[in-house]
């Protein structure tokens, strides 16, 4: 496996430069090194390391929305409180009073 990874770095891995592999580059790499894929066996912890790296990448991809939900809920409560305060301050009738007036007619 060491030889295969050394070959990757010698060919100038685009991922190492911060750019992802294009499909054409990946196809070309597999075509030129297809004989090496059957010879080299991965290390015994390869699958665990791969899954750990995959989980790290997935965690970075998802956004934690909890802070946004908290901010929206606080803003909603504040708007609702100010609306009720203004309603009371202006001396407007309550919803109960409006309902009674509506059904009296």
N, C-alpha and C. Protein backbone atom coordinates (compact mmCIF):
# COMPACT_ATOMS: atom_id res chain seq x y z
N UNK A 1 0.83 -1.20 0.00
CA UNK A 1 0.00 0.00 0.00
C UNK A 1 0.87 1.25 0.00
N UNK A 2 2.03 1.16 0.66
CA UNK A 2 2.92 2.31 0.72
C UNK A 2 3.37 2.71 -0.68
N UNK A 3 3.66 1.72 -1.52
CA UNK A 3 4.10 2.01 -2.88
C UNK A 3 3.01 2.72 -3.68
N UNK A 4 1.77 2.28 -3.51
CA UNK A 4 0.67 2.89 -4.23
C UNK A 4 0.47 4.34 -3.79
N UNK A 5 0.52 4.60 -2.50
CA UNK A 5 0.35 5.98 -2.04
C UNK A 5 1.53 6.84 -2.46
N UNK A 6 2.74 6.27 -2.50
CA UNK A 6 3.89 7.03 -3.00
C UNK A 6 3.69 7.41 -4.46
N UNK A 7 3.12 6.49 -5.24
CA UNK A 7 2.84 6.77 -6.64
C UNK A 7 1.84 7.91 -6.78
N UNK A 8 0.87 7.95 -5.88
CA UNK A 8 -0.12 9.02 -5.93
C UNK A 8 0.57 10.37 -5.74
N UNK A 9 1.45 10.46 -4.73
CA UNK A 9 2.11 11.74 -4.44
C UNK A 9 3.08 12.13 -5.55
N UNK A 10 3.71 11.15 -6.17
CA UNK A 10 4.63 11.46 -7.27
C UNK A 10 3.88 12.05 -8.47
N UNK A 11 2.64 11.60 -8.66
CA UNK A 11 1.87 12.09 -9.80
C UNK A 11 1.27 13.46 -9.53
N UNK A 12 1.47 13.98 -8.36
CA UNK A 12 0.93 15.31 -8.05
C UNK A 12 -0.54 15.24 -7.73
N UNK A 13 -0.85 14.76 -6.55
CA UNK A 13 -2.24 14.59 -6.12
C UNK A 13 -2.92 15.94 -6.05
N UNK A 14 -4.00 16.17 -6.84
CA UNK A 14 -4.71 17.44 -6.77
C UNK A 14 -5.34 17.68 -5.40
N UNK A 15 -5.73 16.60 -4.71
CA UNK A 15 -6.33 16.75 -3.39
C UNK A 15 -5.33 17.31 -2.39
N UNK A 16 -4.06 17.02 -2.58
CA UNK A 16 -3.02 17.52 -1.69
C UNK A 16 -2.85 19.04 -1.86
N UNK A 17 -3.19 19.55 -3.03
CA UNK A 17 -3.06 20.98 -3.31
C UNK A 17 -4.35 21.72 -2.98
N UNK A 18 -5.29 21.05 -2.34
CA UNK A 18 -6.53 21.69 -1.97
C UNK A 18 -7.61 21.61 -3.04
N UNK A 19 -7.29 21.00 -4.18
CA UNK A 19 -8.27 20.86 -5.25
C UNK A 19 -8.72 19.40 -5.31
N UNK A 20 -9.99 19.14 -5.45
CA UNK A 20 -10.42 17.74 -5.55
C UNK A 20 -10.07 17.16 -6.91
N UNK A 21 -9.98 15.84 -6.95
CA UNK A 21 -9.70 15.16 -8.20
C UNK A 21 -10.89 15.36 -9.14
N UNK A 22 -10.59 15.57 -10.41
CA UNK A 22 -11.67 15.57 -11.40
C UNK A 22 -11.93 14.12 -11.78
N UNK A 23 -13.05 13.87 -12.40
CA UNK A 23 -13.39 12.50 -12.78
C UNK A 23 -12.38 11.94 -13.78
N UNK A 24 -11.92 12.81 -14.68
CA UNK A 24 -10.94 12.36 -15.67
C UNK A 24 -9.61 11.99 -15.02
N UNK A 25 -9.16 12.80 -14.04
CA UNK A 25 -7.91 12.50 -13.36
C UNK A 25 -8.00 11.19 -12.58
N UNK A 26 -9.14 10.97 -11.94
CA UNK A 26 -9.33 9.74 -11.18
C UNK A 26 -9.37 8.54 -12.12
N UNK A 27 -10.07 8.65 -13.23
CA UNK A 27 -10.10 7.56 -14.21
C UNK A 27 -8.70 7.26 -14.73
N UNK A 28 -7.93 8.30 -15.05
CA UNK A 28 -6.58 8.11 -15.55
C UNK A 28 -5.69 7.43 -14.51
N UNK A 29 -5.82 7.84 -13.25
CA UNK A 29 -5.02 7.23 -12.19
C UNK A 29 -5.37 5.75 -12.03
N UNK A 30 -6.66 5.44 -12.08
CA UNK A 30 -7.06 4.03 -11.94
C UNK A 30 -6.58 3.21 -13.12
N UNK A 31 -6.66 3.76 -14.34
CA UNK A 31 -6.19 3.04 -15.52
C UNK A 31 -4.69 2.78 -15.46
N UNK A 32 -3.92 3.77 -15.04
CA UNK A 32 -2.46 3.59 -15.02
C UNK A 32 -2.01 2.70 -13.87
N UNK A 33 -2.80 2.60 -12.81
CA UNK A 33 -2.37 1.82 -11.64
C UNK A 33 -3.27 0.63 -11.35
N UNK A 34 -4.03 0.15 -12.33
CA UNK A 34 -4.99 -0.92 -12.06
C UNK A 34 -4.32 -2.22 -11.62
N UNK A 35 -3.11 -2.47 -12.09
CA UNK A 35 -2.42 -3.68 -11.66
C UNK A 35 -2.01 -3.62 -10.19
N UNK A 36 -1.80 -2.44 -9.65
CA UNK A 36 -1.38 -2.29 -8.26
C UNK A 36 -2.55 -2.44 -7.28
N UNK A 37 -3.77 -2.26 -7.74
CA UNK A 37 -4.91 -2.39 -6.84
C UNK A 37 -5.12 -3.83 -6.38
N UNK A 38 -4.75 -4.79 -7.19
CA UNK A 38 -4.93 -6.20 -6.83
C UNK A 38 -3.74 -6.75 -6.06
N UNK A 39 -2.60 -6.09 -6.09
CA UNK A 39 -1.39 -6.59 -5.44
C UNK A 39 -1.32 -6.14 -3.98
N UNK A 40 -1.52 -4.87 -3.77
CA UNK A 40 -1.32 -4.30 -2.44
C UNK A 40 -2.57 -4.47 -1.58
N UNK A 41 -2.34 -4.90 -0.36
CA UNK A 41 -3.45 -5.06 0.58
C UNK A 41 -3.43 -3.86 1.54
N UNK A 42 -4.60 -3.34 1.87
CA UNK A 42 -4.63 -2.22 2.81
C UNK A 42 -4.20 -2.66 4.21
N UNK A 43 -3.78 -1.70 5.00
CA UNK A 43 -3.37 -2.02 6.38
C UNK A 43 -4.58 -2.51 7.16
N UNK A 44 -4.32 -3.16 8.29
CA UNK A 44 -5.43 -3.77 9.02
C UNK A 44 -6.38 -2.74 9.63
N UNK A 45 -5.92 -1.52 9.88
CA UNK A 45 -6.79 -0.48 10.44
C UNK A 45 -7.32 0.48 9.38
N UNK A 46 -7.14 0.11 8.12
CA UNK A 46 -7.53 1.01 7.03
C UNK A 46 -9.02 1.36 7.08
N UNK A 47 -9.87 0.36 7.28
CA UNK A 47 -11.31 0.62 7.28
C UNK A 47 -11.73 1.52 8.44
N UNK A 48 -11.10 1.36 9.61
CA UNK A 48 -11.42 2.21 10.76
C UNK A 48 -10.97 3.66 10.51
N UNK A 49 -9.77 3.80 9.95
CA UNK A 49 -9.28 5.15 9.65
C UNK A 49 -10.13 5.82 8.59
N UNK A 50 -10.53 5.04 7.59
CA UNK A 50 -11.38 5.58 6.52
C UNK A 50 -12.72 6.06 7.09
N UNK A 51 -13.34 5.25 7.93
CA UNK A 51 -14.63 5.63 8.52
C UNK A 51 -14.48 6.85 9.43
N UNK A 52 -13.36 6.94 10.16
CA UNK A 52 -13.14 8.10 11.04
C UNK A 52 -13.00 9.37 10.20
N UNK A 53 -12.24 9.30 9.12
CA UNK A 53 -12.08 10.46 8.25
C UNK A 53 -13.40 10.83 7.57
N UNK A 54 -14.16 9.82 7.18
CA UNK A 54 -15.46 10.08 6.56
C UNK A 54 -16.41 10.78 7.54
N UNK A 55 -16.41 10.33 8.79
CA UNK A 55 -17.27 10.95 9.79
C UNK A 55 -16.85 12.40 10.06
N UNK A 56 -15.56 12.67 10.09
CA UNK A 56 -15.09 14.04 10.28
C UNK A 56 -15.56 14.92 9.13
N UNK A 57 -15.44 14.41 7.92
CA UNK A 57 -15.86 15.18 6.75
C UNK A 57 -17.37 15.42 6.75
N UNK A 58 -18.14 14.41 7.16
CA UNK A 58 -19.59 14.57 7.21
C UNK A 58 -20.00 15.57 8.29
N UNK A 59 -19.32 15.57 9.42
CA UNK A 59 -19.65 16.52 10.48
C UNK A 59 -19.41 17.95 10.02
N UNK A 60 -18.37 18.15 9.23
CA UNK A 60 -18.08 19.50 8.71
C UNK A 60 -19.11 19.93 7.69
N UNK A 61 -19.71 18.96 6.99
CA UNK A 61 -20.65 19.29 5.93
C UNK A 61 -22.00 19.75 6.48
N UNK A 62 -22.38 19.23 7.64
CA UNK A 62 -23.68 19.59 8.21
C UNK A 62 -23.55 20.77 9.16
N UNK A 63 -24.53 21.63 9.13
CA UNK A 63 -24.54 22.82 9.97
C UNK A 63 -25.38 22.53 11.20
N UNK A 64 -24.89 22.94 12.34
CA UNK A 64 -25.66 22.81 13.56
C UNK A 64 -26.68 23.94 13.60
N UNK A 65 -27.98 23.60 13.52
CA UNK A 65 -29.01 24.63 13.43
C UNK A 65 -29.54 25.04 14.79
N UNK A 66 -29.10 24.41 15.86
CA UNK A 66 -29.62 24.73 17.20
C UNK A 66 -29.46 26.21 17.56
N UNK A 67 -28.29 26.84 17.34
CA UNK A 67 -28.19 28.26 17.68
C UNK A 67 -29.16 29.14 16.89
N UNK A 68 -29.40 28.78 15.65
CA UNK A 68 -30.33 29.55 14.83
C UNK A 68 -31.77 29.38 15.33
N UNK A 69 -32.11 28.16 15.72
CA UNK A 69 -33.45 27.92 16.26
C UNK A 69 -33.67 28.67 17.56
N UNK A 70 -32.65 28.72 18.40
CA UNK A 70 -32.75 29.46 19.66
C UNK A 70 -32.93 30.95 19.38
N UNK A 71 -32.17 31.48 18.44
CA UNK A 71 -32.29 32.91 18.10
C UNK A 71 -33.67 33.23 17.54
N UNK A 72 -34.21 32.37 16.69
CA UNK A 72 -35.54 32.60 16.13
C UNK A 72 -36.60 32.52 17.22
N UNK A 73 -36.45 31.58 18.13
CA UNK A 73 -37.45 31.47 19.20
C UNK A 73 -37.41 32.68 20.12
N UNK A 74 -36.22 33.19 20.44
CA UNK A 74 -36.11 34.40 21.27
C UNK A 74 -36.73 35.60 20.55
N UNK A 75 -36.44 35.73 19.27
CA UNK A 75 -37.02 36.85 18.50
C UNK A 75 -38.54 36.73 18.45
N UNK A 76 -39.06 35.53 18.30
CA UNK A 76 -40.51 35.33 18.27
C UNK A 76 -41.15 35.73 19.59
N UNK A 77 -40.55 35.32 20.70
CA UNK A 77 -41.08 35.67 22.01
C UNK A 77 -41.03 37.17 22.23
N UNK A 78 -39.94 37.80 21.82
CA UNK A 78 -39.85 39.26 21.99
C UNK A 78 -40.90 40.00 21.15
N UNK A 79 -41.07 39.61 19.93
CA UNK A 79 -42.06 40.25 19.06
C UNK A 79 -43.46 40.04 19.63
N UNK A 80 -43.75 38.83 20.08
CA UNK A 80 -45.06 38.54 20.65
C UNK A 80 -45.30 39.39 21.91
N UNK A 81 -44.28 39.49 22.78
CA UNK A 81 -44.40 40.28 24.01
C UNK A 81 -44.63 41.76 23.69
N UNK A 82 -43.86 42.30 22.77
CA UNK A 82 -44.04 43.71 22.40
C UNK A 82 -45.41 43.96 21.77
N UNK A 83 -45.88 43.02 20.98
CA UNK A 83 -47.19 43.17 20.35
C UNK A 83 -48.29 43.22 21.41
N UNK A 84 -48.23 42.31 22.37
CA UNK A 84 -49.22 42.29 23.45
C UNK A 84 -49.14 43.57 24.28
N UNK A 85 -47.90 44.02 24.58
CA UNK A 85 -47.73 45.24 25.38
C UNK A 85 -48.31 46.46 24.65
N UNK A 86 -48.04 46.57 23.37
CA UNK A 86 -48.57 47.69 22.59
C UNK A 86 -50.09 47.61 22.51
N UNK A 87 -50.62 46.40 22.33
CA UNK A 87 -52.07 46.20 22.28
C UNK A 87 -52.72 46.69 23.57
N UNK A 88 -52.12 46.31 24.71
CA UNK A 88 -52.66 46.72 26.01
C UNK A 88 -52.47 48.23 26.23
N UNK A 89 -51.32 48.75 25.82
CA UNK A 89 -51.02 50.17 26.04
C UNK A 89 -51.97 51.07 25.27
N UNK A 90 -52.34 50.64 24.08
CA UNK A 90 -53.26 51.43 23.27
C UNK A 90 -54.71 51.29 23.73
N UNK A 91 -54.97 50.40 24.64
CA UNK A 91 -56.31 50.23 25.16
C UNK A 91 -57.26 49.53 24.22
N UNK A 92 -56.72 48.73 23.35
CA UNK A 92 -57.57 47.99 22.42
C UNK A 92 -58.26 46.84 23.15
N UNK A 93 -59.43 46.44 22.69
CA UNK A 93 -60.14 45.36 23.39
C UNK A 93 -59.41 44.03 23.22
N UNK A 94 -59.58 43.17 24.20
CA UNK A 94 -58.95 41.85 24.14
C UNK A 94 -59.69 40.98 23.12
N UNK A 95 -59.09 39.87 22.78
CA UNK A 95 -59.73 38.95 21.83
C UNK A 95 -61.02 38.39 22.41
N UNK A 96 -61.05 38.21 23.72
CA UNK A 96 -62.26 37.71 24.36
C UNK A 96 -63.41 38.71 24.18
N UNK A 97 -63.08 39.98 24.38
CA UNK A 97 -64.11 41.02 24.21
C UNK A 97 -64.58 41.09 22.76
N UNK A 98 -63.66 40.95 21.83
CA UNK A 98 -64.05 40.96 20.41
C UNK A 98 -64.94 39.78 20.07
N UNK A 99 -64.63 38.61 20.65
CA UNK A 99 -65.45 37.42 20.37
C UNK A 99 -66.85 37.60 20.93
N UNK A 100 -66.98 38.17 22.12
CA UNK A 100 -68.30 38.39 22.71
C UNK A 100 -69.11 39.37 21.85
N UNK A 101 -68.46 40.43 21.40
CA UNK A 101 -69.14 41.42 20.54
C UNK A 101 -69.60 40.77 19.23
N UNK A 102 -68.77 39.91 18.68
CA UNK A 102 -69.10 39.27 17.41
C UNK A 102 -70.32 38.37 17.54
N UNK A 103 -70.37 37.59 18.62
CA UNK A 103 -71.46 36.63 18.77
C UNK A 103 -72.74 37.24 19.34
N UNK A 104 -72.69 38.48 19.85
CA UNK A 104 -73.90 39.16 20.33
C UNK A 104 -74.79 39.54 19.17
N UNK A 105 -74.20 39.80 18.04
CA UNK A 105 -74.96 40.28 16.89
C UNK A 105 -75.77 39.22 16.28
